[in-house]
Amino acid sequence: MAHPLPVGTRVRHYGQQWPAARRGTATVREVKGPLHDGSYEYRVTATVDFSRQPGSDNPETRETWWSSLATIPAGAAS
């Protein structure tokens, strides 16, 4: 998959393999890179509970950084 992903892209983390994750569990807010190894860093707003699908009881309000090595666009196969 091509990186960098644009700001606003719906994404999921490679560790989220459950089917609901395919719709995305975070949104890209900022991109940094390329880094020395060619990867990028994405500042995302992600779900509060990483292990559950987004919803009113699990909003995407947690800000964190994900490596492009672990970030998959929503709907893409792993």
PDB file of N, CA and C in Angstrom:
ATOM      1  N   MET A   1       0.834  -1.181   0.000  1.00  0.00           N
ATOM      2  CA  MET A   1       0.000   0.000   0.000  1.00  0.00           C
ATOM      3  C   MET A   1       0.875   1.240   0.000  1.00  0.00           C
ATOM      4  N   ALA A   2       0.380   2.284  -0.578  1.00  0.00           N
ATOM      5  CA  ALA A   2       1.151   3.507  -0.728  1.00  0.00           C
ATOM      6  C   ALA A   2       1.056   4.379   0.523  1.00  0.00           C
ATOM      7  N   HIS A   3       2.179   4.911   0.903  1.00  0.00           N
ATOM      8  CA  HIS A   3       2.249   5.872   2.000  1.00  0.00           C
ATOM      9  C   HIS A   3       2.984   7.093   1.473  1.00  0.00           C
ATOM     10  N   PRO A   4       2.745   8.294   1.931  1.00  0.00           N
ATOM     11  CA  PRO A   4       1.904   8.591   3.076  1.00  0.00           C
ATOM     12  C   PRO A   4       0.420   8.642   2.717  1.00  0.00           C
ATOM     13  N   LEU A   5      -0.388   8.328   3.703  1.00  0.00           N
ATOM     14  CA  LEU A   5      -1.836   8.436   3.568  1.00  0.00           C
ATOM     15  C   LEU A   5      -2.226   9.889   3.843  1.00  0.00           C
ATOM     16  N   PRO A   6      -3.204  10.424   3.129  1.00  0.00           N
ATOM     17  CA  PRO A   6      -3.586  11.814   3.360  1.00  0.00           C
ATOM     18  C   PRO A   6      -4.349  12.020   4.670  1.00  0.00           C
ATOM     19  N   VAL A   7      -4.245  13.232   5.192  1.00  0.00           N
ATOM     20  CA  VAL A   7      -5.025  13.623   6.365  1.00  0.00           C
ATOM     21  C   VAL A   7      -6.498  13.383   6.047  1.00  0.00           C
ATOM     22  N   GLY A   8      -7.222  12.835   7.020  1.00  0.00           N
ATOM     23  CA  GLY A   8      -8.633  12.536   6.857  1.00  0.00           C
ATOM     24  C   GLY A   8      -8.918  11.092   6.488  1.00  0.00           C
ATOM     25  N   THR A   9      -7.873  10.320   6.147  1.00  0.00           N
ATOM     26  CA  THR A   9      -8.058   8.920   5.772  1.00  0.00           C
ATOM     27  C   THR A   9      -8.505   8.100   6.972  1.00  0.00           C
ATOM     28  N   ARG A  10      -9.509   7.247   6.776  1.00  0.00           N
ATOM     29  CA  ARG A  10      -9.942   6.291   7.800  1.00  0.00           C
ATOM     30  C   ARG A  10      -8.973   5.120   7.769  1.00  0.00           C
ATOM     31  N   VAL A  11      -8.486   4.732   8.949  1.00  0.00           N
ATOM     32  CA  VAL A  11      -7.479   3.679   9.053  1.00  0.00           C
ATOM     33  C   VAL A  11      -7.782   2.739  10.208  1.00  0.00           C
ATOM     34  N   ARG A  12      -7.052   1.636  10.208  1.00  0.00           N
ATOM     35  CA  ARG A  12      -7.058   0.712  11.335  1.00  0.00           C
ATOM     36  C   ARG A  12      -5.616   0.303  11.593  1.00  0.00           C
ATOM     37  N   HIS A  13      -5.370  -0.226  12.768  1.00  0.00           N
ATOM     38  CA  HIS A  13      -4.045  -0.690  13.160  1.00  0.00           C
ATOM     39  C   HIS A  13      -3.898  -2.152  12.749  1.00  0.00           C
ATOM     40  N   TYR A  14      -2.699  -2.566  12.356  1.00  0.00           N
ATOM     41  CA  TYR A  14      -2.507  -3.941  11.889  1.00  0.00           C
ATOM     42  C   TYR A  14      -2.910  -4.965  12.944  1.00  0.00           C
ATOM     43  N   GLY A  15      -2.886  -4.583  14.221  1.00  0.00           N
ATOM     44  CA  GLY A  15      -3.257  -5.494  15.305  1.00  0.00           C
ATOM     45  C   GLY A  15      -4.762  -5.693  15.433  1.00  0.00           C
ATOM     46  N   GLN A  16      -5.537  -4.910  14.690  1.00  0.00           N
ATOM     47  CA  GLN A  16      -6.990  -5.011  14.752  1.00  0.00           C
ATOM     48  C   GLN A  16      -7.474  -5.837  13.562  1.00  0.00           C
ATOM     49  N   GLN A  17      -7.570  -7.145  13.748  1.00  0.00           N
ATOM     50  CA  GLN A  17      -7.925  -8.044  12.659  1.00  0.00           C
ATOM     51  C   GLN A  17      -9.399  -8.398  12.615  1.00  0.00           C
ATOM     52  N   TRP A  18     -10.157  -8.045  13.651  1.00  0.00           N
ATOM     53  CA  TRP A  18     -11.578  -8.393  13.696  1.00  0.00           C
ATOM     54  C   TRP A  18     -12.315  -7.659  12.584  1.00  0.00           C
ATOM     55  N   PRO A  19     -13.396  -8.249  12.067  1.00  0.00           N
ATOM     56  CA  PRO A  19     -14.096  -7.718  10.899  1.00  0.00           C
ATOM     57  C   PRO A  19     -14.530  -6.260  10.996  1.00  0.00           C
ATOM     58  N   ALA A  20     -14.975  -5.821  12.165  1.00  0.00           N
ATOM     59  CA  ALA A  20     -15.448  -4.435  12.294  1.00  0.00           C
ATOM     60  C   ALA A  20     -14.322  -3.429  12.051  1.00  0.00           C
ATOM     61  N   ALA A  21     -13.088  -3.842  12.242  1.00  0.00           N
ATOM     62  CA  ALA A  21     -11.958  -2.933  12.055  1.00  0.00           C
ATOM     63  C   ALA A  21     -11.804  -2.520  10.597  1.00  0.00           C
ATOM     64  N   ARG A  22     -12.360  -3.278   9.692  1.00  0.00           N
ATOM     65  CA  ARG A  22     -12.224  -2.958   8.261  1.00  0.00           C
ATOM     66  C   ARG A  22     -12.864  -1.616   7.908  1.00  0.00           C
ATOM     67  N   ARG A  23     -13.822  -1.147   8.720  1.00  0.00           N
ATOM     68  CA  ARG A  23     -14.427   0.179   8.501  1.00  0.00           C
ATOM     69  C   ARG A  23     -13.547   1.291   9.057  1.00  0.00           C
ATOM     70  N   GLY A  24     -12.506   0.920   9.774  1.00  0.00           N
ATOM     71  CA  GLY A  24     -11.607   1.895  10.360  1.00  0.00           C
ATOM     72  C   GLY A  24     -11.899   2.124  11.823  1.00  0.00           C
ATOM     73  N   THR A  25     -10.857   2.394  12.565  1.00  0.00           N
ATOM     74  CA  THR A  25     -10.987   2.665  13.995  1.00  0.00           C
ATOM     75  C   THR A  25     -10.261   3.948  14.385  1.00  0.00           C
ATOM     76  N   ALA A  26      -9.809   4.687  13.371  1.00  0.00           N
ATOM     77  CA  ALA A  26      -9.096   5.936  13.621  1.00  0.00           C
ATOM     78  C   ALA A  26      -9.116   6.776  12.347  1.00  0.00           C
ATOM     79  N   THR A  27      -8.759   8.053  12.504  1.00  0.00           N
ATOM     80  CA  THR A  27      -8.678   8.981  11.376  1.00  0.00           C
ATOM     81  C   THR A  27      -7.325   9.680  11.429  1.00  0.00           C
ATOM     82  N   VAL A  28      -6.632   9.730  10.290  1.00  0.00           N
ATOM     83  CA  VAL A  28      -5.333  10.406  10.201  1.00  0.00           C
ATOM     84  C   VAL A  28      -5.546  11.907  10.364  1.00  0.00           C
ATOM     85  N   ARG A  29      -4.779  12.527  11.276  1.00  0.00           N
ATOM     86  CA  ARG A  29      -4.858  13.969  11.529  1.00  0.00           C
ATOM     87  C   ARG A  29      -3.590  14.711  11.106  1.00  0.00           C
ATOM     88  N   GLU A  30      -2.448  14.004  11.081  1.00  0.00           N
ATOM     89  CA  GLU A  30      -1.169  14.633  10.737  1.00  0.00           C
ATOM     90  C   GLU A  30      -0.222  13.544  10.252  1.00  0.00           C
ATOM     91  N   VAL A  31       0.691  13.910   9.348  1.00  0.00           N
ATOM     92  CA  VAL A  31       1.665  12.966   8.815  1.00  0.00           C
ATOM     93  C   VAL A  31       3.058  13.552   8.996  1.00  0.00           C
ATOM     94  N   LYS A  32       4.014  12.736   9.480  1.00  0.00           N
ATOM     95  CA  LYS A  32       5.414  13.144   9.582  1.00  0.00           C
ATOM     96  C   LYS A  32       6.260  12.122   8.839  1.00  0.00           C
ATOM     97  N   GLY A  33       7.218  12.607   8.101  1.00  0.00           N
ATOM     98  CA  GLY A  33       8.109  11.700   7.402  1.00  0.00           C
ATOM     99  C   GLY A  33       8.375  12.175   5.987  1.00  0.00           C
ATOM    100  N   PRO A  34       9.149  11.383   5.264  1.00  0.00           N
ATOM    101  CA  PRO A  34       9.597  10.051   5.640  1.00  0.00           C
ATOM    102  C   PRO A  34      10.710  10.099   6.685  1.00  0.00           C
ATOM    103  N   LEU A  35      10.725   9.072   7.515  1.00  0.00           N
ATOM    104  CA  LEU A  35      11.761   8.927   8.529  1.00  0.00           C
ATOM    105  C   LEU A  35      12.987   8.262   7.898  1.00  0.00           C
ATOM    106  N   HIS A  36      14.035   8.071   8.671  1.00  0.00           N
ATOM    107  CA  HIS A  36      15.289   7.522   8.151  1.00  0.00           C
ATOM    108  C   HIS A  36      15.133   6.155   7.488  1.00  0.00           C
ATOM    109  N   ASP A  37      14.131   5.383   7.905  1.00  0.00           N
ATOM    110  CA  ASP A  37      13.914   4.054   7.322  1.00  0.00           C
ATOM    111  C   ASP A  37      12.863   4.058   6.212  1.00  0.00           C
ATOM    112  N   GLY A  38      12.383   5.245   5.840  1.00  0.00           N
ATOM    113  CA  GLY A  38      11.385   5.363   4.787  1.00  0.00           C
ATOM    114  C   GLY A  38       9.950   5.288   5.269  1.00  0.00           C
ATOM    115  N   SER A  39       9.756   5.020   6.551  1.00  0.00           N
ATOM    116  CA  SER A  39       8.395   4.943   7.090  1.00  0.00           C
ATOM    117  C   SER A  39       7.886   6.343   7.431  1.00  0.00           C
ATOM    118  N   TYR A  40       6.614   6.419   7.762  1.00  0.00           N
ATOM    119  CA  TYR A  40       5.962   7.664   8.169  1.00  0.00           C
ATOM    120  C   TYR A  40       5.344   7.453   9.536  1.00  0.00           C
ATOM    121  N   GLU A  41       5.055   8.549  10.212  1.00  0.00           N
ATOM    122  CA  GLU A  41       4.316   8.516  11.467  1.00  0.00           C
ATOM    123  C   GLU A  41       3.008   9.252  11.248  1.00  0.00           C
ATOM    124  N   TYR A  42       1.920   8.657  11.726  1.00  0.00           N
ATOM    125  CA  TYR A  42       0.590   9.256  11.614  1.00  0.00           C
ATOM    126  C   TYR A  42       0.059   9.597  12.995  1.00  0.00           C
ATOM    127  N   ARG A  43      -0.323  10.875  13.164  1.00  0.00           N
ATOM    128  CA  ARG A  43      -1.066  11.244  14.371  1.00  0.00           C
ATOM    129  C   ARG A  43      -2.519  10.968  14.038  1.00  0.00           C
ATOM    130  N   VAL A  44      -3.147  10.125  14.838  1.00  0.00           N
ATOM    131  CA  VAL A  44      -4.532   9.738  14.588  1.00  0.00           C
ATOM    132  C   VAL A  44      -5.389  10.004  15.809  1.00  0.00           C
ATOM    133  N   THR A  45      -6.691  10.173  15.575  1.00  0.00           N
ATOM    134  CA  THR A  45      -7.646  10.098  16.667  1.00  0.00           C
ATOM    135  C   THR A  45      -8.251   8.704  16.557  1.00  0.00           C
ATOM    136  N   ALA A  46      -8.114   7.946  17.624  1.00  0.00           N
ATOM    137  CA  ALA A  46      -8.509   6.542  17.639  1.00  0.00           C
ATOM    138  C   ALA A  46      -9.548   6.295  18.729  1.00  0.00           C
ATOM    139  N   THR A  47     -10.118   5.105  18.679  1.00  0.00           N
ATOM    140  CA  THR A  47     -11.091   4.737  19.698  1.00  0.00           C
ATOM    141  C   THR A  47     -10.441   4.693  21.077  1.00  0.00           C
ATOM    142  N   VAL A  48     -11.236   4.958  22.084  1.00  0.00           N
ATOM    143  CA  VAL A  48     -10.752   4.937  23.457  1.00  0.00           C
ATOM    144  C   VAL A  48     -10.258   3.532  23.807  1.00  0.00           C
ATOM    145  N   ASP A  49     -11.053   2.525  23.474  1.00  0.00           N
ATOM    146  CA  ASP A  49     -10.701   1.122  23.734  1.00  0.00           C
ATOM    147  C   ASP A  49     -10.262   0.485  22.424  1.00  0.00           C
ATOM    148  N   PHE A  50      -8.980   0.253  22.294  1.00  0.00           N
ATOM    149  CA  PHE A  50      -8.363  -0.284  21.078  1.00  0.00           C
ATOM    150  C   PHE A  50      -8.961  -1.623  20.655  1.00  0.00           C
ATOM    151  N   SER A  51      -9.496  -2.374  21.593  1.00  0.00           N
ATOM    152  CA  SER A  51      -9.950  -3.734  21.303  1.00  0.00           C
ATOM    153  C   SER A  51     -11.415  -3.824  20.863  1.00  0.00           C
ATOM    154  N   ARG A  52     -12.122  -2.673  20.809  1.00  0.00           N
ATOM    155  CA  ARG A  52     -13.535  -2.702  20.442  1.00  0.00           C
ATOM    156  C   ARG A  52     -13.812  -1.781  19.258  1.00  0.00           C
ATOM    157  N   GLN A  53     -14.904  -2.064  18.556  1.00  0.00           N
ATOM    158  CA  GLN A  53     -15.275  -1.237  17.411  1.00  0.00           C
ATOM    159  C   GLN A  53     -15.738   0.146  17.867  1.00  0.00           C
ATOM    160  N   PRO A  54     -15.633   1.153  16.983  1.00  0.00           N
ATOM    161  CA  PRO A  54     -16.091   2.500  17.319  1.00  0.00           C
ATOM    162  C   PRO A  54     -17.600   2.533  17.517  1.00  0.00           C
ATOM    163  N   GLY A  55     -18.045   3.454  18.338  1.00  0.00           N
ATOM    164  CA  GLY A  55     -19.470   3.640  18.580  1.00  0.00           C
ATOM    165  C   GLY A  55     -19.667   4.689  19.647  1.00  0.00           C
ATOM    166  N   SER A  56     -20.918   4.932  20.012  1.00  0.00           N
ATOM    167  CA  SER A  56     -21.200   5.959  21.016  1.00  0.00           C
ATOM    168  C   SER A  56     -20.584   5.618  22.372  1.00  0.00           C
ATOM    169  N   ASP A  57     -20.399   4.318  22.632  1.00  0.00           N
ATOM    170  CA  ASP A  57     -19.773   3.895  23.884  1.00  0.00           C
ATOM    171  C   ASP A  57     -18.261   3.708  23.751  1.00  0.00           C
ATOM    172  N   ASN A  58     -17.711   3.967  22.562  1.00  0.00           N
ATOM    173  CA  ASN A  58     -16.266   3.857  22.319  1.00  0.00           C
ATOM    174  C   ASN A  58     -15.876   4.897  21.262  1.00  0.00           C
ATOM    175  N   PRO A  59     -15.915   6.185  21.636  1.00  0.00           N
ATOM    176  CA  PRO A  59     -15.663   7.247  20.661  1.00  0.00           C
ATOM    177  C   PRO A  59     -14.195   7.339  20.249  1.00  0.00           C
ATOM    178  N   GLU A  60     -13.985   7.944  19.102  1.00  0.00           N
ATOM    179  CA  GLU A  60     -12.624   8.173  18.599  1.00  0.00           C
ATOM    180  C   GLU A  60     -12.118   9.502  19.141  1.00  0.00           C
ATOM    181  N   THR A  61     -11.723   9.492  20.394  1.00  0.00           N
ATOM    182  CA  THR A  61     -11.270  10.721  21.047  1.00  0.00           C
ATOM    183  C   THR A  61      -9.839  10.622  21.562  1.00  0.00           C
ATOM    184  N   ARG A  62      -9.215   9.469  21.412  1.00  0.00           N
ATOM    185  CA  ARG A  62      -7.847   9.269  21.917  1.00  0.00           C
ATOM    186  C   ARG A  62      -6.851   9.631  20.820  1.00  0.00           C
ATOM    187  N   GLU A  63      -5.953  10.554  21.126  1.00  0.00           N
ATOM    188  CA  GLU A  63      -4.930  10.948  20.164  1.00  0.00           C
ATOM    189  C   GLU A  63      -3.667  10.128  20.412  1.00  0.00           C
ATOM    190  N   THR A  64      -3.129   9.563  19.326  1.00  0.00           N
ATOM    191  CA  THR A  64      -1.922   8.743  19.434  1.00  0.00           C
ATOM    192  C   THR A  64      -1.178   8.765  18.112  1.00  0.00           C
ATOM    193  N   TRP A  65       0.037   8.222  18.095  1.00  0.00           N
ATOM    194  CA  TRP A  65       0.838   8.125  16.873  1.00  0.00           C
ATOM    195  C   TRP A  65       0.957   6.668  16.472  1.00  0.00           C
ATOM    196  N   TRP A  66       0.731   6.393  15.177  1.00  0.00           N
ATOM    197  CA  TRP A  66       0.899   5.048  14.625  1.00  0.00           C
ATOM    198  C   TRP A  66       1.926   5.109  13.503  1.00  0.00           C
ATOM    199  N   SER A  67       2.792   4.126  13.454  1.00  0.00           N
ATOM    200  CA  SER A  67       3.755   4.004  12.367  1.00  0.00           C
ATOM    201  C   SER A  67       3.052   3.560  11.095  1.00  0.00           C
ATOM    202  N   SER A  68       3.562   3.989   9.950  1.00  0.00           N
ATOM    203  CA  SER A  68       3.013   3.517   8.676  1.00  0.00           C
ATOM    204  C   SER A  68       3.200   2.013   8.528  1.00  0.00           C
ATOM    205  N   LEU A  69       4.145   1.445   9.258  1.00  0.00           N
ATOM    206  CA  LEU A  69       4.371  -0.007   9.222  1.00  0.00           C
ATOM    207  C   LEU A  69       3.229  -0.761   9.886  1.00  0.00           C
ATOM    208  N   ALA A  70       2.401  -0.054  10.663  1.00  0.00           N
ATOM    209  CA  ALA A  70       1.299  -0.692  11.391  1.00  0.00           C
ATOM    210  C   ALA A  70      -0.063  -0.086  11.050  1.00  0.00           C
ATOM    211  N   THR A  71      -0.120   0.772  10.015  1.00  0.00           N
ATOM    212  CA  THR A  71      -1.342   1.478   9.676  1.00  0.00           C
ATOM    213  C   THR A  71      -1.875   1.013   8.333  1.00  0.00           C
ATOM    214  N   ILE A  72      -3.151   0.606   8.330  1.00  0.00           N
ATOM    215  CA  ILE A  72      -3.785   0.074   7.126  1.00  0.00           C
ATOM    216  C   ILE A  72      -5.019   0.930   6.817  1.00  0.00           C
ATOM    217  N   PRO A  73      -5.168   1.367   5.566  1.00  0.00           N
ATOM    218  CA  PRO A  73      -6.385   2.115   5.224  1.00  0.00           C
ATOM    219  C   PRO A  73      -7.625   1.272   5.463  1.00  0.00           C
ATOM    220  N   ALA A  74      -8.702   1.875   5.928  1.00  0.00           N
ATOM    221  CA  ALA A  74      -9.958   1.150   6.166  1.00  0.00           C
ATOM    222  C   ALA A  74     -10.404   0.489   4.870  1.00  0.00           C
ATOM    223  N   GLY A  75     -10.875  -0.739   4.998  1.00  0.00           N
ATOM    224  CA  GLY A  75     -11.351  -1.496   3.853  1.00  0.00           C
ATOM    225  C   GLY A  75     -10.285  -2.277   3.133  1.00  0.00           C
ATOM    226  N   ALA A  76      -9.003  -2.027   3.446  1.00  0.00           N
ATOM    227  CA  ALA A  76      -7.910  -2.740   2.782  1.00  0.00           C
ATOM    228  C   ALA A  76      -7.621  -4.051   3.502  1.00  0.00           C
ATOM    229  N   ALA A  77      -7.193  -5.036   2.759  1.00  0.00           N
ATOM    230  CA  ALA A  77      -6.776  -6.310   3.352  1.00  0.00           C
ATOM    231  C   ALA A  77      -5.437  -6.121   4.053  1.00  0.00           C
ATOM    232  N   SER A  78      -5.154  -6.935   5.015  1.00  0.00           N
ATOM    233  CA  SER A  78      -3.904  -6.823   5.771  1.00  0.00           C
ATOM    234  C   SER A  78      -2.714  -7.236   4.937  1.00  0.00           C
TER     235      SER A  78
END
